[in-house]
Each structure stands twice: as structure tokens, then as C-alpha cells.
């Protein structure tokens, strides 16, 4: 299970890259991942086993941290609030 920081339309690669750089400066490593529909998702690199209570809490804490950072990103002129949510991926990105 990973944190999907933000979803972007297929033409918003530059927006995704800006958000990725901002989060990297704040210590949150992410990857821009394409979806089958052509959209993009900004996803944290660290995954979590949400069946483990400690890892589930860590994942939820990261979602909260992303939301806080996203509010700052938006206030500073970013186009997205970077709310974040948990998602389980099957197979490879």
C-alpha cells in the first residue's frame, strides 16, 4: 500500500514534476507513475503493509504530513493541494 499524493491529467507532467520536487525538498520521496488511462499519479516510494498496525499508522501519518505539506505548496502558488490517500497496487507500476 502506497500514498497516492495527487492525480494529474495526462498533460500535467510539469505540474507533477513541480510537486515531486517540492516534496523531495521536504524529505518525501515520490515517483510519477502513469495510469492505464494516460493520467499521472504522484506516489510515495515507500510502501506499507497496512495489516501491520505500526505500518498502517505510519502510512496514515504520512497521508496527514502530505496534506500539511500540500496546503503549504498550494499557498505558495502550487496548483494542487496534494491531499493524498492510501492505495494498494498490484504488480509493478
Protein backbone atom coordinates (compact mmCIF):
# COMPACT_ATOMS: atom_id res chain seq x y z
CA UNK A 1 0.00 0.00 0.00
CA UNK A 2 1.34 3.40 -1.02
CA UNK A 3 0.31 7.01 -0.60
CA UNK A 4 -1.02 8.50 -3.82
CA UNK A 5 -0.17 12.14 -3.25
CA UNK A 6 -2.07 13.56 -6.21
CA UNK A 7 -3.58 12.53 -9.52
CA UNK A 8 -2.85 14.65 -12.59
CA UNK A 9 -4.33 14.82 -16.08
CA UNK A 10 -2.20 13.35 -18.86
CA UNK A 11 -0.94 16.79 -19.96
CA UNK A 12 0.12 17.92 -16.47
CA UNK A 13 3.55 16.28 -16.29
CA UNK A 14 5.22 19.59 -15.43
CA UNK A 15 2.80 20.11 -12.53
CA UNK A 16 3.56 16.60 -11.28
CA UNK A 17 7.30 17.26 -11.54
CA UNK A 18 6.99 20.52 -9.55
CA UNK A 19 5.05 18.77 -6.80
CA UNK A 20 7.60 15.95 -6.79
CA UNK A 21 10.49 18.40 -6.40
CA UNK A 22 8.71 20.24 -3.60
CA UNK A 23 8.08 17.03 -1.68
CA UNK A 24 11.69 15.90 -2.22
CA UNK A 25 12.86 19.15 -0.62
CA UNK A 26 10.63 18.27 2.35
CA UNK A 27 12.04 14.74 2.59
CA UNK A 28 9.20 12.82 0.90
CA UNK A 29 10.46 10.62 -1.96
CA UNK A 30 7.95 10.08 -4.77
CA UNK A 31 7.62 8.76 -8.29
CA UNK A 32 5.43 9.99 -11.13
CA UNK A 33 3.53 6.95 -12.39
CA UNK A 34 1.39 6.66 -15.50
CA UNK A 35 -2.02 5.04 -15.33
CA UNK A 36 -3.70 2.94 -17.97
CA UNK A 37 -5.90 5.89 -18.92
CA UNK A 38 -2.93 8.19 -19.57
CA UNK A 39 -3.34 10.16 -16.35
CA UNK A 40 -0.45 10.51 -13.92
CA UNK A 41 -0.19 9.77 -10.23
CA UNK A 42 2.42 11.10 -7.82
CA UNK A 43 3.09 8.15 -5.48
CA UNK A 44 5.39 7.82 -2.47
CA UNK A 45 8.31 5.43 -2.94
CA UNK A 46 7.87 3.78 0.44
CA UNK A 47 5.16 1.17 0.67
CA UNK A 48 3.38 -0.06 3.79
CA UNK A 49 1.85 -3.31 4.96
CA UNK A 50 -1.37 -1.90 6.35
CA UNK A 51 -2.20 -5.23 8.02
CA UNK A 52 0.61 -4.39 10.44
CA UNK A 53 -0.74 -1.80 12.89
CA UNK A 54 2.55 0.10 13.20
CA UNK A 55 2.96 0.33 9.42
CA UNK A 56 -0.69 1.32 8.99
CA UNK A 57 -0.18 4.15 11.49
CA UNK A 58 3.00 5.25 9.67
CA UNK A 59 1.09 5.31 6.37
CA UNK A 60 -1.76 7.33 7.89
CA UNK A 61 0.76 9.73 9.43
CA UNK A 62 2.35 10.21 6.01
CA UNK A 63 -1.05 10.99 4.47
CA UNK A 64 -1.52 13.66 7.17
CA UNK A 65 2.00 15.02 6.55
CA UNK A 66 1.36 15.16 2.80
CA UNK A 67 -1.85 17.11 3.43
CA UNK A 68 0.03 19.61 5.60
CA UNK A 69 2.80 19.99 3.02
CA UNK A 70 0.20 20.20 0.26
CA UNK A 71 -1.51 23.13 1.95
CA UNK A 72 1.85 24.94 2.09
CA UNK A 73 2.59 24.03 -1.54
CA UNK A 74 -0.78 25.43 -2.64
CA UNK A 75 -0.41 28.58 -0.53
CA UNK A 76 3.00 29.19 -2.14
CA UNK A 77 1.47 29.10 -5.63
CA UNK A 78 1.30 25.38 -6.40
CA UNK A 79 -1.71 24.41 -8.49
CA UNK A 80 -2.69 21.42 -6.35
CA UNK A 81 -3.35 20.84 -2.64
CA UNK A 82 -1.69 17.37 -2.58
CA UNK A 83 -4.25 15.73 -0.27
CA UNK A 84 -3.05 12.13 -0.56
CA UNK A 85 -4.78 8.80 0.04
CA UNK A 86 -3.77 5.17 0.52
CA UNK A 87 -3.87 2.76 -2.41
CA UNK A 88 -2.80 -0.83 -2.80
CA UNK A 89 -1.06 -1.54 -6.10
CA UNK A 90 -0.91 -5.00 -7.63
CA UNK A 91 2.06 -5.94 -9.77
CA UNK A 92 4.52 -3.29 -10.91
CA UNK A 93 3.91 0.33 -11.69
